[in-house]
N, C-alpha and C. Protein backbone atom coordinates (compact mmCIF):
# COMPACT_ATOMS: atom_id res chain seq x y z
N MET A 1 37.94 96.77 112.17
CA MET A 1 37.26 96.39 110.95
C MET A 1 36.18 97.42 110.63
N ASP A 2 35.99 97.66 109.36
CA ASP A 2 34.98 98.62 108.91
C ASP A 2 33.80 97.88 108.29
N PHE A 3 32.63 98.46 108.49
CA PHE A 3 31.40 97.83 108.01
C PHE A 3 30.50 98.87 107.37
N GLN A 4 29.84 98.46 106.29
CA GLN A 4 28.78 99.26 105.67
C GLN A 4 27.46 98.59 106.01
N ILE A 5 26.56 99.36 106.58
CA ILE A 5 25.24 98.86 106.96
C ILE A 5 24.21 99.52 106.06
N ASN A 6 23.40 98.71 105.41
CA ASN A 6 22.23 99.20 104.69
C ASN A 6 21.02 98.59 105.39
N ALA A 7 20.27 99.44 106.07
CA ALA A 7 19.12 98.98 106.84
C ALA A 7 17.86 99.56 106.20
N PHE A 8 17.02 98.68 105.72
CA PHE A 8 15.80 99.10 105.02
C PHE A 8 14.62 99.09 105.99
N ASP A 9 13.84 100.16 105.97
CA ASP A 9 12.70 100.28 106.87
C ASP A 9 11.58 99.31 106.49
N PHE A 10 10.78 98.98 107.50
CA PHE A 10 9.52 98.29 107.22
C PHE A 10 8.71 99.19 106.29
N THR A 11 7.80 98.61 105.54
CA THR A 11 7.03 99.39 104.56
C THR A 11 5.55 99.52 104.92
N ASP A 12 5.16 99.08 106.11
CA ASP A 12 3.75 99.21 106.50
C ASP A 12 3.41 100.68 106.76
N ALA A 13 2.13 100.96 106.85
CA ALA A 13 1.65 102.34 106.98
C ALA A 13 2.17 103.04 108.24
N ALA A 14 2.45 102.29 109.30
CA ALA A 14 2.90 102.89 110.56
C ALA A 14 4.42 103.02 110.65
N ALA A 15 5.15 102.58 109.64
CA ALA A 15 6.62 102.56 109.71
C ALA A 15 7.21 103.95 109.94
N ILE A 16 6.75 104.95 109.21
CA ILE A 16 7.32 106.29 109.36
C ILE A 16 7.00 106.86 110.74
N SER A 17 5.85 106.52 111.29
CA SER A 17 5.50 106.98 112.65
C SER A 17 6.43 106.35 113.68
N ARG A 18 6.74 105.07 113.51
CA ARG A 18 7.67 104.41 114.43
C ARG A 18 9.06 105.04 114.31
N ARG A 19 9.47 105.34 113.07
CA ARG A 19 10.78 105.97 112.85
C ARG A 19 10.85 107.29 113.61
N MET A 20 9.85 108.11 113.43
CA MET A 20 9.87 109.44 114.05
C MET A 20 9.78 109.35 115.58
N ALA A 21 9.09 108.33 116.09
CA ALA A 21 8.94 108.18 117.54
C ALA A 21 10.26 107.87 118.24
N VAL A 22 11.17 107.17 117.56
CA VAL A 22 12.44 106.80 118.19
C VAL A 22 13.64 107.52 117.56
N ARG A 23 13.37 108.46 116.67
CA ARG A 23 14.45 109.13 115.94
C ARG A 23 15.44 109.82 116.87
N GLN A 24 14.95 110.56 117.86
CA GLN A 24 15.87 111.28 118.75
C GLN A 24 16.74 110.31 119.54
N ALA A 25 16.17 109.21 120.01
CA ALA A 25 16.96 108.20 120.73
C ALA A 25 18.02 107.60 119.80
N HIS A 26 17.64 107.36 118.55
CA HIS A 26 18.59 106.84 117.55
C HIS A 26 19.73 107.83 117.34
N LEU A 27 19.42 109.11 117.19
CA LEU A 27 20.44 110.12 116.97
C LEU A 27 21.33 110.31 118.20
N ASP A 28 20.74 110.27 119.39
CA ASP A 28 21.54 110.38 120.62
C ASP A 28 22.53 109.22 120.72
N ASN A 29 22.06 108.02 120.40
CA ASN A 29 22.93 106.84 120.41
C ASN A 29 24.02 106.98 119.36
N ALA A 30 23.66 107.48 118.19
CA ALA A 30 24.64 107.66 117.11
C ALA A 30 25.73 108.65 117.52
N LYS A 31 25.36 109.71 118.21
CA LYS A 31 26.35 110.69 118.67
C LYS A 31 27.35 110.04 119.64
N LYS A 32 26.85 109.18 120.53
CA LYS A 32 27.74 108.47 121.46
C LYS A 32 28.70 107.55 120.70
N MET A 33 28.17 106.85 119.71
CA MET A 33 29.01 105.94 118.93
C MET A 33 30.02 106.71 118.08
N LYS A 34 29.64 107.89 117.60
CA LYS A 34 30.56 108.75 116.85
C LYS A 34 31.70 109.20 117.76
N ALA A 35 31.36 109.64 118.96
CA ALA A 35 32.37 110.10 119.92
C ALA A 35 33.33 108.98 120.31
N ALA A 36 32.83 107.75 120.34
CA ALA A 36 33.65 106.59 120.69
C ALA A 36 34.47 106.07 119.51
N GLY A 37 34.25 106.66 118.33
CA GLY A 37 35.00 106.25 117.15
C GLY A 37 34.42 105.06 116.40
N HIS A 38 33.20 104.66 116.76
CA HIS A 38 32.58 103.50 116.11
C HIS A 38 31.72 103.87 114.91
N LEU A 39 31.07 105.01 114.95
CA LEU A 39 30.25 105.47 113.83
C LEU A 39 31.07 106.47 113.03
N ILE A 40 31.38 106.12 111.81
CA ILE A 40 32.19 106.99 110.95
C ILE A 40 31.29 108.00 110.24
N ALA A 41 30.20 107.52 109.68
CA ALA A 41 29.24 108.39 108.99
C ALA A 41 27.94 107.62 108.83
N GLY A 42 26.88 108.35 108.56
CA GLY A 42 25.60 107.69 108.34
C GLY A 42 24.55 108.68 107.93
N GLY A 43 23.44 108.15 107.46
CA GLY A 43 22.33 109.00 107.08
C GLY A 43 21.16 108.19 106.58
N ALA A 44 20.08 108.89 106.30
CA ALA A 44 18.86 108.24 105.82
C ALA A 44 18.95 107.96 104.33
N MET A 45 18.44 106.81 103.93
CA MET A 45 18.23 106.52 102.51
C MET A 45 16.87 107.11 102.14
N LEU A 46 16.80 107.69 100.95
CA LEU A 46 15.57 108.34 100.50
C LEU A 46 15.07 107.72 99.21
N ASP A 47 13.75 107.72 99.05
CA ASP A 47 13.21 107.30 97.76
C ASP A 47 13.18 108.52 96.82
N ALA A 48 12.65 108.34 95.62
CA ALA A 48 12.65 109.41 94.62
C ALA A 48 11.89 110.66 95.07
N SER A 49 10.94 110.48 95.98
CA SER A 49 10.17 111.63 96.46
C SER A 49 10.77 112.27 97.70
N GLY A 50 11.88 111.72 98.21
CA GLY A 50 12.52 112.26 99.40
C GLY A 50 12.07 111.64 100.70
N LYS A 51 11.23 110.62 100.64
CA LYS A 51 10.75 109.93 101.83
C LYS A 51 11.86 109.02 102.37
N MET A 52 12.06 109.03 103.71
CA MET A 52 13.05 108.16 104.33
C MET A 52 12.59 106.71 104.23
N ILE A 53 13.46 105.85 103.71
CA ILE A 53 13.12 104.44 103.52
C ILE A 53 14.15 103.50 104.15
N GLY A 54 15.12 104.06 104.84
CA GLY A 54 16.14 103.23 105.46
C GLY A 54 17.33 104.08 105.88
N SER A 55 18.41 103.40 106.23
CA SER A 55 19.61 104.07 106.70
C SER A 55 20.84 103.38 106.14
N THR A 56 21.89 104.18 105.93
CA THR A 56 23.20 103.64 105.61
C THR A 56 24.17 104.14 106.66
N LEU A 57 24.94 103.22 107.22
CA LEU A 57 25.92 103.56 108.25
C LEU A 57 27.27 103.01 107.87
N TYR A 58 28.31 103.71 108.26
CA TYR A 58 29.68 103.21 108.15
C TYR A 58 30.22 103.10 109.57
N LEU A 59 30.53 101.88 109.96
CA LEU A 59 30.93 101.58 111.33
C LEU A 59 32.36 101.06 111.39
N ARG A 60 32.98 101.23 112.56
CA ARG A 60 34.31 100.67 112.81
C ARG A 60 34.29 100.01 114.19
N PHE A 61 34.45 98.70 114.19
CA PHE A 61 34.52 97.90 115.41
C PHE A 61 35.65 96.90 115.28
N ASP A 62 36.03 96.29 116.39
CA ASP A 62 37.10 95.28 116.37
C ASP A 62 36.69 94.02 115.62
N ASN A 63 35.38 93.73 115.60
CA ASN A 63 34.93 92.50 114.95
C ASN A 63 33.45 92.62 114.58
N ARG A 64 32.99 91.66 113.81
CA ARG A 64 31.60 91.64 113.33
C ARG A 64 30.62 91.51 114.48
N GLU A 65 30.98 90.75 115.50
CA GLU A 65 30.07 90.54 116.63
C GLU A 65 29.75 91.87 117.32
N GLU A 66 30.75 92.73 117.47
CA GLU A 66 30.51 94.04 118.09
C GLU A 66 29.63 94.91 117.20
N ALA A 67 29.84 94.85 115.91
CA ALA A 67 28.99 95.61 114.99
C ALA A 67 27.55 95.10 115.06
N ASP A 68 27.39 93.78 115.07
CA ASP A 68 26.06 93.19 115.17
C ASP A 68 25.37 93.59 116.47
N ALA A 69 26.12 93.62 117.57
CA ALA A 69 25.55 94.00 118.87
C ALA A 69 25.08 95.45 118.84
N TYR A 70 25.86 96.32 118.23
CA TYR A 70 25.46 97.72 118.10
C TYR A 70 24.16 97.84 117.31
N ILE A 71 24.11 97.16 116.18
CA ILE A 71 22.91 97.21 115.34
C ILE A 71 21.69 96.68 116.10
N ALA A 72 21.87 95.57 116.80
CA ALA A 72 20.77 94.96 117.54
C ALA A 72 20.23 95.87 118.64
N SER A 73 21.09 96.72 119.20
CA SER A 73 20.67 97.59 120.30
C SER A 73 20.18 98.96 119.83
N ASP A 74 20.35 99.27 118.56
CA ASP A 74 19.95 100.59 118.06
C ASP A 74 18.43 100.76 118.18
N PRO A 75 17.97 101.95 118.58
CA PRO A 75 16.54 102.19 118.70
C PRO A 75 15.75 101.92 117.41
N TYR A 76 16.37 102.04 116.25
CA TYR A 76 15.66 101.72 115.01
C TYR A 76 15.45 100.22 114.86
N THR A 77 16.30 99.42 115.48
CA THR A 77 16.08 97.97 115.48
C THR A 77 15.05 97.60 116.53
N THR A 78 15.27 98.06 117.76
CA THR A 78 14.36 97.69 118.85
C THR A 78 12.99 98.33 118.68
N GLY A 79 12.92 99.46 117.96
CA GLY A 79 11.66 100.15 117.72
C GLY A 79 10.93 99.70 116.47
N LYS A 80 11.41 98.62 115.86
CA LYS A 80 10.76 98.04 114.67
C LYS A 80 10.69 99.03 113.50
N VAL A 81 11.77 99.80 113.32
CA VAL A 81 11.88 100.69 112.16
C VAL A 81 12.59 99.95 111.04
N TRP A 82 13.76 99.38 111.36
CA TRP A 82 14.52 98.64 110.36
C TRP A 82 13.98 97.24 110.21
N ASP A 83 13.79 96.83 108.98
CA ASP A 83 13.30 95.50 108.65
C ASP A 83 14.47 94.63 108.18
N LYS A 84 14.91 94.84 106.97
CA LYS A 84 16.01 94.07 106.40
C LYS A 84 17.32 94.84 106.61
N ILE A 85 18.32 94.16 107.18
CA ILE A 85 19.61 94.81 107.46
C ILE A 85 20.71 94.02 106.77
N GLU A 86 21.47 94.72 105.93
CA GLU A 86 22.62 94.12 105.25
C GLU A 86 23.89 94.66 105.89
N VAL A 87 24.81 93.76 106.21
CA VAL A 87 26.10 94.14 106.79
C VAL A 87 27.20 93.64 105.87
N LYS A 88 28.05 94.56 105.44
CA LYS A 88 29.17 94.19 104.57
C LYS A 88 30.47 94.65 105.21
N THR A 89 31.46 93.79 105.21
CA THR A 89 32.79 94.18 105.66
C THR A 89 33.46 94.95 104.53
N ILE A 90 33.98 96.12 104.85
CA ILE A 90 34.61 96.97 103.85
C ILE A 90 35.94 97.49 104.41
N ARG A 91 36.66 98.19 103.59
CA ARG A 91 37.88 98.88 104.03
C ARG A 91 37.73 100.35 103.66
N LEU A 92 37.52 101.18 104.69
CA LEU A 92 37.41 102.61 104.46
C LEU A 92 38.80 103.21 104.29
N VAL A 93 38.89 104.20 103.45
CA VAL A 93 40.14 104.91 103.21
C VAL A 93 40.12 106.19 104.03
N ASP A 94 41.14 106.41 104.83
CA ASP A 94 41.26 107.66 105.57
C ASP A 94 41.89 108.70 104.66
N LEU A 95 41.13 109.70 104.30
CA LEU A 95 41.61 110.76 103.40
C LEU A 95 41.87 112.04 104.17
């Protein structure tokens, strides 16, 4: 199953500092998930000024529970970077 994740960052003054503090751990984890075939693509959402305000991910797991477990364990979740997380089941097209 494929999933689109839109994860919006907290908006408090320390949010960007928390993001940067765990960014490398988040990227290292993402590389492992990419190698395992679970992370298809992803990147930062930006506001009009180019400031990072969240993330969009495209995931592939056997079920929603596995996708939820991945999201729950991501350093951006455990590090209090992501606030509101939307998960949508989608069908990606292999081109």
